[in-house]
mmCIF file of all heavy atoms, coordinates in Angstrom:
data_MODEL
# 
_entry.id   MODEL 
# 
loop_
_atom_site.group_PDB 
_atom_site.id 
_atom_site.type_symbol 
_atom_site.label_atom_id 
_atom_site.label_alt_id 
_atom_site.label_comp_id 
_atom_site.label_asym_id 
_atom_site.label_entity_id 
_atom_site.label_seq_id 
_atom_site.pdbx_PDB_ins_code 
_atom_site.Cartn_x 
_atom_site.Cartn_y 
_atom_site.Cartn_z 
_atom_site.occupancy 
_atom_site.B_iso_or_equiv 
_atom_site.pdbx_formal_charge 
_atom_site.auth_seq_id 
_atom_site.auth_comp_id 
_atom_site.auth_asym_id 
_atom_site.auth_atom_id 
_atom_site.pdbx_PDB_model_num 
ATOM 1   N N   . ALA A 1 1  ? -4.451  -2.842  -0.924  1.00 0.00 ? 1  ALA A N   1 
ATOM 2   C CA  . ALA A 1 1  ? -3.233  -3.671  -1.123  1.00 0.00 ? 1  ALA A CA  1 
ATOM 3   C C   . ALA A 1 1  ? -3.595  -5.164  -1.033  1.00 0.00 ? 1  ALA A C   1 
ATOM 4   O O   . ALA A 1 1  ? -3.127  -5.956  -1.784  1.00 0.00 ? 1  ALA A O   1 
ATOM 5   C CB  . ALA A 1 1  ? -2.174  -3.327  -0.172  1.00 0.00 ? 1  ALA A CB  1 
ATOM 6   N N   . THR A 1 2  ? -4.481  -5.484  -0.115  1.00 0.00 ? 2  THR A N   1 
ATOM 7   C CA  . THR A 1 2  ? -4.896  -6.870  0.057   1.00 0.00 ? 2  THR A CA  1 
ATOM 8   C C   . THR A 1 2  ? -5.681  -7.339  -1.187  1.00 0.00 ? 2  THR A C   1 
ATOM 9   O O   . THR A 1 2  ? -5.411  -8.392  -1.740  1.00 0.00 ? 2  THR A O   1 
ATOM 10  C CB  . THR A 1 2  ? -5.827  -7.019  1.296   1.00 0.00 ? 2  THR A CB  1 
ATOM 11  O OG1 . THR A 1 2  ? -5.041  -6.647  2.452   1.00 0.00 ? 2  THR A OG1 1 
ATOM 12  C CG2 . THR A 1 2  ? -6.317  -8.451  1.453   1.00 0.00 ? 2  THR A CG2 1 
ATOM 13  N N   . ALA A 1 3  ? -6.613  -6.489  -1.635  1.00 0.00 ? 3  ALA A N   1 
ATOM 14  C CA  . ALA A 1 3  ? -7.405  -6.909  -2.788  1.00 0.00 ? 3  ALA A CA  1 
ATOM 15  C C   . ALA A 1 3  ? -6.572  -7.035  -4.079  1.00 0.00 ? 3  ALA A C   1 
ATOM 16  O O   . ALA A 1 3  ? -6.806  -7.893  -4.905  1.00 0.00 ? 3  ALA A O   1 
ATOM 17  C CB  . ALA A 1 3  ? -8.484  -5.823  -3.021  1.00 0.00 ? 3  ALA A CB  1 
ATOM 18  N N   . LEU A 1 4  ? -5.570  -6.183  -4.230  1.00 0.00 ? 4  LEU A N   1 
ATOM 19  C CA  . LEU A 1 4  ? -4.766  -6.186  -5.439  1.00 0.00 ? 4  LEU A CA  1 
ATOM 20  C C   . LEU A 1 4  ? -3.530  -7.142  -5.303  1.00 0.00 ? 4  LEU A C   1 
ATOM 21  O O   . LEU A 1 4  ? -2.913  -7.479  -6.308  1.00 0.00 ? 4  LEU A O   1 
ATOM 22  C CB  . LEU A 1 4  ? -4.204  -4.781  -5.664  1.00 0.00 ? 4  LEU A CB  1 
ATOM 23  C CG  . LEU A 1 4  ? -5.098  -3.832  -6.507  1.00 0.00 ? 4  LEU A CG  1 
ATOM 24  C CD1 . LEU A 1 4  ? -6.493  -3.583  -5.826  1.00 0.00 ? 4  LEU A CD1 1 
ATOM 25  C CD2 . LEU A 1 4  ? -4.405  -2.511  -6.769  1.00 0.00 ? 4  LEU A CD2 1 
ATOM 26  N N   . ASN A 1 5  ? -3.188  -7.531  -4.056  1.00 0.00 ? 5  ASN A N   1 
ATOM 27  C CA  . ASN A 1 5  ? -2.044  -8.333  -3.819  1.00 0.00 ? 5  ASN A CA  1 
ATOM 28  C C   . ASN A 1 5  ? -0.815  -7.610  -4.383  1.00 0.00 ? 5  ASN A C   1 
ATOM 29  O O   . ASN A 1 5  ? 0.097   -8.261  -4.930  1.00 0.00 ? 5  ASN A O   1 
ATOM 30  C CB  . ASN A 1 5  ? -2.138  -9.744  -4.420  1.00 0.00 ? 5  ASN A CB  1 
ATOM 31  C CG  . ASN A 1 5  ? -1.038  -10.661 -3.885  1.00 0.00 ? 5  ASN A CG  1 
ATOM 32  O OD1 . ASN A 1 5  ? -0.654  -10.616 -2.703  1.00 0.00 ? 5  ASN A OD1 1 
ATOM 33  N ND2 . ASN A 1 5  ? -0.540  -11.528 -4.783  1.00 0.00 ? 5  ASN A ND2 1 
ATOM 34  N N   . ALA A 1 6  ? -0.772  -6.313  -4.260  1.00 0.00 ? 6  ALA A N   1 
ATOM 35  C CA  . ALA A 1 6  ? 0.381   -5.489  -4.757  1.00 0.00 ? 6  ALA A CA  1 
ATOM 36  C C   . ALA A 1 6  ? 0.421   -4.226  -3.926  1.00 0.00 ? 6  ALA A C   1 
ATOM 37  O O   . ALA A 1 6  ? -0.599  -3.695  -3.511  1.00 0.00 ? 6  ALA A O   1 
ATOM 38  C CB  . ALA A 1 6  ? 0.212   -5.156  -6.196  1.00 0.00 ? 6  ALA A CB  1 
ATOM 39  N N   . VAL A 1 7  ? 1.630   -3.750  -3.704  1.00 0.00 ? 7  VAL A N   1 
ATOM 40  C CA  . VAL A 1 7  ? 1.811   -2.474  -2.906  1.00 0.00 ? 7  VAL A CA  1 
ATOM 41  C C   . VAL A 1 7  ? 2.687   -1.531  -3.737  1.00 0.00 ? 7  VAL A C   1 
ATOM 42  O O   . VAL A 1 7  ? 3.545   -1.967  -4.471  1.00 0.00 ? 7  VAL A O   1 
ATOM 43  C CB  . VAL A 1 7  ? 2.426   -2.707  -1.524  1.00 0.00 ? 7  VAL A CB  1 
ATOM 44  C CG1 . VAL A 1 7  ? 1.569   -3.656  -0.677  1.00 0.00 ? 7  VAL A CG1 1 
ATOM 45  C CG2 . VAL A 1 7  ? 3.830   -3.306  -1.674  1.00 0.00 ? 7  VAL A CG2 1 
ATOM 46  N N   . ASN A 1 8  ? 2.411   -0.249  -3.664  1.00 0.00 ? 8  ASN A N   1 
ATOM 47  C CA  . ASN A 1 8  ? 3.309   0.738   -4.187  1.00 0.00 ? 8  ASN A CA  1 
ATOM 48  C C   . ASN A 1 8  ? 3.785   1.735   -3.153  1.00 0.00 ? 8  ASN A C   1 
ATOM 49  O O   . ASN A 1 8  ? 4.566   2.643   -3.407  1.00 0.00 ? 8  ASN A O   1 
ATOM 50  C CB  . ASN A 1 8  ? 2.666   1.466   -5.342  1.00 0.00 ? 8  ASN A CB  1 
ATOM 51  C CG  . ASN A 1 8  ? 1.638   2.514   -4.946  1.00 0.00 ? 8  ASN A CG  1 
ATOM 52  O OD1 . ASN A 1 8  ? 0.973   2.368   -3.926  1.00 0.00 ? 8  ASN A OD1 1 
ATOM 53  N ND2 . ASN A 1 8  ? 1.585   3.584   -5.671  1.00 0.00 ? 8  ASN A ND2 1 
ATOM 54  N N   . THR A 1 9  ? 3.247   1.599   -1.901  1.00 0.00 ? 9  THR A N   1 
ATOM 55  C CA  . THR A 1 9  ? 3.654   2.473   -0.835  1.00 0.00 ? 9  THR A CA  1 
ATOM 56  C C   . THR A 1 9  ? 3.741   1.650   0.482   1.00 0.00 ? 9  THR A C   1 
ATOM 57  O O   . THR A 1 9  ? 2.849   0.892   0.777   1.00 0.00 ? 9  THR A O   1 
ATOM 58  C CB  . THR A 1 9  ? 2.594   3.574   -0.631  1.00 0.00 ? 9  THR A CB  1 
ATOM 59  O OG1 . THR A 1 9  ? 2.468   4.303   -1.879  1.00 0.00 ? 9  THR A OG1 1 
ATOM 60  C CG2 . THR A 1 9  ? 3.052   4.532   0.475   1.00 0.00 ? 9  THR A CG2 1 
ATOM 61  N N   . VAL A 1 10 ? 4.877   1.828   1.153   1.00 0.00 ? 10 VAL A N   1 
ATOM 62  C CA  . VAL A 1 10 ? 5.042   1.139   2.440   1.00 0.00 ? 10 VAL A CA  1 
ATOM 63  C C   . VAL A 1 10 ? 5.293   2.197   3.533   1.00 0.00 ? 10 VAL A C   1 
ATOM 64  O O   . VAL A 1 10 ? 6.193   3.089   3.335   1.00 0.00 ? 10 VAL A O   1 
ATOM 65  C CB  . VAL A 1 10 ? 6.192   0.174   2.421   1.00 0.00 ? 10 VAL A CB  1 
ATOM 66  C CG1 . VAL A 1 10 ? 6.459   -0.465  3.835   1.00 0.00 ? 10 VAL A CG1 1 
ATOM 67  C CG2 . VAL A 1 10 ? 5.910   -0.986  1.393   1.00 0.00 ? 10 VAL A CG2 1 
ATOM 68  N N   . VAL A 1 11 ? 4.518   2.203   4.550   1.00 0.00 ? 11 VAL A N   1 
ATOM 69  C CA  . VAL A 1 11 ? 4.740   3.108   5.702   1.00 0.00 ? 11 VAL A CA  1 
ATOM 70  C C   . VAL A 1 11 ? 5.299   2.293   6.876   1.00 0.00 ? 11 VAL A C   1 
ATOM 71  O O   . VAL A 1 11 ? 4.805   1.295   7.226   1.00 0.00 ? 11 VAL A O   1 
ATOM 72  C CB  . VAL A 1 11 ? 3.418   3.771   6.096   1.00 0.00 ? 11 VAL A CB  1 
ATOM 73  C CG1 . VAL A 1 11 ? 3.595   4.652   7.325   1.00 0.00 ? 11 VAL A CG1 1 
ATOM 74  C CG2 . VAL A 1 11 ? 2.853   4.584   4.945   1.00 0.00 ? 11 VAL A CG2 1 
ATOM 75  N N   . PHE A 1 12 ? 6.373   2.863   7.452   1.00 0.00 ? 12 PHE A N   1 
ATOM 76  C CA  . PHE A 1 12 ? 6.999   2.253   8.646   1.00 0.00 ? 12 PHE A CA  1 
ATOM 77  C C   . PHE A 1 12 ? 6.404   2.927   9.874   1.00 0.00 ? 12 PHE A C   1 
ATOM 78  O O   . PHE A 1 12 ? 6.625   4.066   10.119  1.00 0.00 ? 12 PHE A O   1 
ATOM 79  C CB  . PHE A 1 12 ? 8.537   2.365   8.603   1.00 0.00 ? 12 PHE A CB  1 
ATOM 80  C CG  . PHE A 1 12 ? 9.133   1.730   7.408   1.00 0.00 ? 12 PHE A CG  1 
ATOM 81  C CD1 . PHE A 1 12 ? 9.990   2.383   6.557   1.00 0.00 ? 12 PHE A CD1 1 
ATOM 82  C CD2 . PHE A 1 12 ? 8.910   0.349   7.170   1.00 0.00 ? 12 PHE A CD2 1 
ATOM 83  C CE1 . PHE A 1 12 ? 10.528  1.771   5.497   1.00 0.00 ? 12 PHE A CE1 1 
ATOM 84  C CE2 . PHE A 1 12 ? 9.466   -0.249  6.014   1.00 0.00 ? 12 PHE A CE2 1 
ATOM 85  C CZ  . PHE A 1 12 ? 10.296  0.493   5.207   1.00 0.00 ? 12 PHE A CZ  1 
ATOM 86  N N   . ASP A 1 13 ? 5.679   2.176   10.612  1.00 0.00 ? 13 ASP A N   1 
ATOM 87  C CA  . ASP A 1 13 ? 4.955   2.674   11.801  1.00 0.00 ? 13 ASP A CA  1 
ATOM 88  C C   . ASP A 1 13 ? 5.409   1.892   13.023  1.00 0.00 ? 13 ASP A C   1 
ATOM 89  O O   . ASP A 1 13 ? 4.943   0.808   13.270  1.00 0.00 ? 13 ASP A O   1 
ATOM 90  C CB  . ASP A 1 13 ? 3.429   2.549   11.658  1.00 0.00 ? 13 ASP A CB  1 
ATOM 91  C CG  . ASP A 1 13 ? 2.655   3.171   12.751  1.00 0.00 ? 13 ASP A CG  1 
ATOM 92  O OD1 . ASP A 1 13 ? 3.263   3.787   13.675  1.00 0.00 ? 13 ASP A OD1 1 
ATOM 93  O OD2 . ASP A 1 13 ? 1.420   3.184   12.686  1.00 0.00 ? 13 ASP A OD2 1 
ATOM 94  N N   . GLY A 1 14 ? 6.393   2.458   13.771  1.00 0.00 ? 14 GLY A N   1 
ATOM 95  C CA  . GLY A 1 14 ? 6.911   1.782   14.876  1.00 0.00 ? 14 GLY A CA  1 
ATOM 96  C C   . GLY A 1 14 ? 7.646   0.516   14.414  1.00 0.00 ? 14 GLY A C   1 
ATOM 97  O O   . GLY A 1 14 ? 8.538   0.591   13.508  1.00 0.00 ? 14 GLY A O   1 
ATOM 98  N N   . GLU A 1 15 ? 7.279   -0.623  14.903  1.00 0.00 ? 15 GLU A N   1 
ATOM 99  C CA  . GLU A 1 15 ? 7.950   -1.853  14.469  1.00 0.00 ? 15 GLU A CA  1 
ATOM 100 C C   . GLU A 1 15 ? 7.319   -2.484  13.195  1.00 0.00 ? 15 GLU A C   1 
ATOM 101 O O   . GLU A 1 15 ? 7.797   -3.469  12.669  1.00 0.00 ? 15 GLU A O   1 
ATOM 102 C CB  . GLU A 1 15 ? 7.849   -2.904  15.613  1.00 0.00 ? 15 GLU A CB  1 
ATOM 103 C CG  . GLU A 1 15 ? 8.570   -2.512  16.881  1.00 0.00 ? 15 GLU A CG  1 
ATOM 104 C CD  . GLU A 1 15 ? 10.060  -2.343  16.666  1.00 0.00 ? 15 GLU A CD  1 
ATOM 105 O OE1 . GLU A 1 15 ? 10.635  -3.211  15.924  1.00 0.00 ? 15 GLU A OE1 1 
ATOM 106 O OE2 . GLU A 1 15 ? 10.622  -1.305  17.118  1.00 0.00 ? 15 GLU A OE2 1 
ATOM 107 N N   . LYS A 1 16 ? 6.204   -1.889  12.749  1.00 0.00 ? 16 LYS A N   1 
ATOM 108 C CA  . LYS A 1 16 ? 5.458   -2.461  11.623  1.00 0.00 ? 16 LYS A CA  1 
ATOM 109 C C   . LYS A 1 16 ? 5.779   -1.784  10.282  1.00 0.00 ? 16 LYS A C   1 
ATOM 110 O O   . LYS A 1 16 ? 6.010   -0.577  10.223  1.00 0.00 ? 16 LYS A O   1 
ATOM 111 C CB  . LYS A 1 16 ? 3.970   -2.420  11.885  1.00 0.00 ? 16 LYS A CB  1 
ATOM 112 C CG  . LYS A 1 16 ? 3.493   -3.278  13.039  1.00 0.00 ? 16 LYS A CG  1 
ATOM 113 C CD  . LYS A 1 16 ? 1.991   -3.149  13.228  1.00 0.00 ? 16 LYS A CD  1 
ATOM 114 C CE  . LYS A 1 16 ? 1.487   -4.087  14.303  1.00 0.00 ? 16 LYS A CE  1 
ATOM 115 N NZ  . LYS A 1 16 ? 0.017   -3.987  14.447  1.00 0.00 ? 16 LYS A NZ  1 
ATOM 116 N N   . ALA A 1 17 ? 5.735   -2.653  9.235   1.00 0.00 ? 17 ALA A N   1 
ATOM 117 C CA  . ALA A 1 17 ? 5.863   -2.179  7.851   1.00 0.00 ? 17 ALA A CA  1 
ATOM 118 C C   . ALA A 1 17 ? 4.462   -2.477  7.254   1.00 0.00 ? 17 ALA A C   1 
ATOM 119 O O   . ALA A 1 17 ? 4.046   -3.640  7.102   1.00 0.00 ? 17 ALA A O   1 
ATOM 120 C CB  . ALA A 1 17 ? 6.934   -2.917  7.096   1.00 0.00 ? 17 ALA A CB  1 
ATOM 121 N N   . ILE A 1 18 ? 3.776   -1.385  6.912   1.00 0.00 ? 18 ILE A N   1 
ATOM 122 C CA  . ILE A 1 18 ? 2.380   -1.490  6.410   1.00 0.00 ? 18 ILE A CA  1 
ATOM 123 C C   . ILE A 1 18 ? 2.320   -1.143  4.960   1.00 0.00 ? 18 ILE A C   1 
ATOM 124 O O   . ILE A 1 18 ? 2.706   -0.016  4.547   1.00 0.00 ? 18 ILE A O   1 
ATOM 125 C CB  . ILE A 1 18 ? 1.426   -0.598  7.278   1.00 0.00 ? 18 ILE A CB  1 
ATOM 126 C CG1 . ILE A 1 18 ? 1.636   -0.880  8.770   1.00 0.00 ? 18 ILE A CG1 1 
ATOM 127 C CG2 . ILE A 1 18 ? 0.024   -0.781  6.804   1.00 0.00 ? 18 ILE A CG2 1 
ATOM 128 C CD1 . ILE A 1 18 ? 0.879   0.127   9.675   1.00 0.00 ? 18 ILE A CD1 1 
ATOM 129 N N   . GLY A 1 19 ? 1.726   -2.031  4.194   1.00 0.00 ? 19 GLY A N   1 
ATOM 130 C CA  . GLY A 1 19 ? 1.674   -1.865  2.710   1.00 0.00 ? 19 GLY A CA  1 
ATOM 131 C C   . GLY A 1 19 ? 0.350   -1.222  2.277   1.00 0.00 ? 19 GLY A C   1 
ATOM 132 O O   . GLY A 1 19 ? -0.746  -1.570  2.749   1.00 0.00 ? 19 GLY A O   1 
ATOM 133 N N   . HIS A 1 20 ? 0.442   -0.281  1.354   1.00 0.00 ? 20 HIS A N   1 
ATOM 134 C CA  . HIS A 1 20 ? -0.717  0.380   0.785   1.00 0.00 ? 20 HIS A CA  1 
ATOM 135 C C   . HIS A 1 20 ? -0.601  0.333   -0.786  1.00 0.00 ? 20 HIS A C   1 
ATOM 136 O O   . HIS A 1 20 ? 0.423   0.055   -1.306  1.00 0.00 ? 20 HIS A O   1 
ATOM 137 C CB  . HIS A 1 20 ? -0.789  1.816   1.235   1.00 0.00 ? 20 HIS A CB  1 
ATOM 138 C CG  . HIS A 1 20 ? -0.873  2.026   2.697   1.00 0.00 ? 20 HIS A CG  1 
ATOM 139 N ND1 . HIS A 1 20 ? -2.047  2.228   3.344   1.00 0.00 ? 20 HIS A ND1 1 
ATOM 140 C CD2 . HIS A 1 20 ? 0.133   2.060   3.627   1.00 0.00 ? 20 HIS A CD2 1 
ATOM 141 C CE1 . HIS A 1 20 ? -1.763  2.319   4.666   1.00 0.00 ? 20 HIS A CE1 1 
ATOM 142 N NE2 . HIS A 1 20 ? -0.488  2.304   4.890   1.00 0.00 ? 20 HIS A NE2 1 
ATOM 143 N N   . ASN A 1 21 ? -1.745  0.666   -1.410  1.00 0.00 ? 21 ASN A N   1 
ATOM 144 C CA  . ASN A 1 21 ? -1.661  0.798   -2.867  1.00 0.00 ? 21 ASN A CA  1 
ATOM 145 C C   . ASN A 1 21 ? -2.417  2.024   -3.267  1.00 0.00 ? 21 ASN A C   1 
ATOM 146 O O   . ASN A 1 21 ? -3.609  2.139   -3.104  1.00 0.00 ? 21 ASN A O   1 
ATOM 147 C CB  . ASN A 1 21 ? -2.297  -0.443  -3.561  1.00 0.00 ? 21 ASN A CB  1 
ATOM 148 C CG  . ASN A 1 21 ? -1.973  -0.503  -5.054  1.00 0.00 ? 21 ASN A CG  1 
ATOM 149 O OD1 . ASN A 1 21 ? -2.318  0.406   -5.767  1.00 0.00 ? 21 ASN A OD1 1 
ATOM 150 N ND2 . ASN A 1 21 ? -1.329  -1.493  -5.419  1.00 0.00 ? 21 ASN A ND2 1 
ATOM 151 N N   . THR A 1 22 ? -1.697  2.968   -3.784  1.00 0.00 ? 22 THR A N   1 
ATOM 152 C CA  . THR A 1 22 ? -2.287  4.266   -4.265  1.00 0.00 ? 22 THR A CA  1 
ATOM 153 C C   . THR A 1 22 ? -2.388  4.296   -5.773  1.00 0.00 ? 22 THR A C   1 
ATOM 154 O O   . THR A 1 22 ? -2.871  5.281   -6.349  1.00 0.00 ? 22 THR A O   1 
ATOM 155 C CB  . THR A 1 22 ? -1.505  5.505   -3.737  1.00 0.00 ? 22 THR A CB  1 
ATOM 156 O OG1 . THR A 1 22 ? -0.229  5.527   -4.369  1.00 0.00 ? 22 THR A OG1 1 
ATOM 157 C CG2 . THR A 1 22 ? -1.318  5.475   -2.253  1.00 0.00 ? 22 THR A CG2 1 
ATOM 158 N N   . ASP A 1 23 ? -1.933  3.259   -6.443  1.00 0.00 ? 23 ASP A N   1 
ATOM 159 C CA  . ASP A 1 23 ? -2.104  3.231   -7.912  1.00 0.00 ? 23 ASP A CA  1 
ATOM 160 C C   . ASP A 1 23 ? -3.516  3.130   -8.321  1.00 0.00 ? 23 ASP A C   1 
ATOM 161 O O   . ASP A 1 23 ? -3.951  3.745   -9.272  1.00 0.00 ? 23 ASP A O   1 
ATOM 162 C CB  . ASP A 1 23 ? -1.319  1.989   -8.491  1.00 0.00 ? 23 ASP A CB  1 
ATOM 163 C CG  . ASP A 1 23 ? 0.155   2.161   -8.562  1.00 0.00 ? 23 ASP A CG  1 
ATOM 164 O OD1 . ASP A 1 23 ? 0.627   3.325   -8.660  1.00 0.00 ? 23 ASP A OD1 1 
ATOM 165 O OD2 . ASP A 1 23 ? 0.856   1.148   -8.521  1.00 0.00 ? 23 ASP A OD2 1 
ATOM 166 N N   . ARG A 1 24 ? -4.342  2.324   -7.547  1.00 0.00 ? 24 ARG A N   1 
ATOM 167 C CA  . ARG A 1 24 ? -5.730  2.156   -7.912  1.00 0.00 ? 24 ARG A CA  1 
ATOM 168 C C   . ARG A 1 24 ? -6.458  3.523   -7.870  1.00 0.00 ? 24 ARG A C   1 
ATOM 169 O O   . ARG A 1 24 ? -7.137  3.955   -8.791  1.00 0.00 ? 24 ARG A O   1 
ATOM 170 C CB  . ARG A 1 24 ? -6.433  1.195   -6.961  1.00 0.00 ? 24 ARG A CB  1 
ATOM 171 C CG  . ARG A 1 24 ? -7.917  1.117   -7.193  1.00 0.00 ? 24 ARG A CG  1 
ATOM 172 C CD  . ARG A 1 24 ? -8.551  0.070   -6.251  1.00 0.00 ? 24 ARG A CD  1 
ATOM 173 N NE  . ARG A 1 24 ? -9.983  0.163   -6.210  1.00 0.00 ? 24 ARG A NE  1 
ATOM 174 C CZ  . ARG A 1 24 ? -10.800 -0.694  -5.655  1.00 0.00 ? 24 ARG A CZ  1 
ATOM 175 N NH1 . ARG A 1 24 ? -10.305 -1.735  -5.051  1.00 0.00 ? 24 ARG A NH1 1 
ATOM 176 N NH2 . ARG A 1 24 ? -12.105 -0.491  -5.641  1.00 0.00 ? 24 ARG A NH2 1 
ATOM 177 N N   . SER A 1 25 ? -6.324  4.244   -6.726  1.00 0.00 ? 25 SER A N   1 
ATOM 178 C CA  . SER A 1 25 ? -6.972  5.532   -6.631  1.00 0.00 ? 25 SER A CA  1 
ATOM 179 C C   . SER A 1 25 ? -6.388  6.542   -7.567  1.00 0.00 ? 25 SER A C   1 
ATOM 180 O O   . SER A 1 25 ? -7.141  7.400   -8.121  1.00 0.00 ? 25 SER A O   1 
ATOM 181 C CB  . SER A 1 25 ? -6.889  6.059   -5.160  1.00 0.00 ? 25 SER A CB  1 
ATOM 182 O OG  . SER A 1 25 ? -5.502  6.116   -4.787  1.00 0.00 ? 25 SER A OG  1 
ATOM 183 N N   . GLY A 1 26 ? -5.078  6.470   -7.831  1.00 0.00 ? 26 GLY A N   1 
ATOM 184 C CA  . GLY A 1 26 ? -4.453  7.367   -8.751  1.00 0.00 ? 26 GLY A CA  1 
ATOM 185 C C   . GLY A 1 26 ? -4.919  7.259   -10.183 1.00 0.00 ? 26 GLY A C   1 
ATOM 186 O O   . GLY A 1 26 ? -5.248  8.215   -10.820 1.00 0.00 ? 26 GLY A O   1 
ATOM 187 N N   . PHE A 1 27 ? -5.144  5.989   -10.636 1.00 0.00 ? 27 PHE A N   1 
ATOM 188 C CA  . PHE A 1 27 ? -5.577  5.785   -12.010 1.00 0.00 ? 27 PHE A CA  1 
ATOM 189 C C   . PHE A 1 27 ? -7.050  6.125   -12.073 1.00 0.00 ? 27 PHE A C   1 
ATOM 190 O O   . PHE A 1 27 ? -7.456  6.746   -13.107 1.00 0.00 ? 27 PHE A O   1 
ATOM 191 C CB  . PHE A 1 27 ? -5.347  4.328   -12.445 1.00 0.00 ? 27 PHE A CB  1 
ATOM 192 C CG  . PHE A 1 27 ? -5.869  4.115   -13.847 1.00 0.00 ? 27 PHE A CG  1 
ATOM 193 C CD1 . PHE A 1 27 ? -5.115  4.507   -14.902 1.00 0.00 ? 27 PHE A CD1 1 
ATOM 194 C CD2 . PHE A 1 27 ? -7.113  3.533   -14.069 1.00 0.00 ? 27 PHE A CD2 1 
ATOM 195 C CE1 . PHE A 1 27 ? -5.623  4.296   -16.236 1.00 0.00 ? 27 PHE A CE1 1 
ATOM 196 C CE2 . PHE A 1 27 ? -7.619  3.340   -15.398 1.00 0.00 ? 27 PHE A CE2 1 
ATOM 197 C CZ  . PHE A 1 27 ? -6.820  3.735   -16.475 1.00 0.00 ? 27 PHE A CZ  1 
ATOM 198 N N   . ALA A 1 28 ? -7.846  5.746   -11.109 1.00 0.00 ? 28 ALA A N   1 
ATOM 199 C CA  . ALA A 1 28 ? -9.284  6.099   -11.169 1.00 0.00 ? 28 ALA A CA  1 
ATOM 200 C C   . ALA A 1 28 ? -9.500  7.565   -11.275 1.00 0.00 ? 28 ALA A C   1 
ATOM 201 O O   . ALA A 1 28 ? -10.337 7.989   -12.106 1.00 0.00 ? 28 ALA A O   1 
ATOM 202 C CB  . ALA A 1 28 ? -10.001 5.525   -9.917  1.00 0.00 ? 28 ALA A CB  1 
# 
């Protein structure tokens, strides 16, 4: 997500909202 500056998945873990990107792995 950092490398792409884009997120398609957000996980709420306690007080934190953590962004991920599964589009890259999905397309590859």
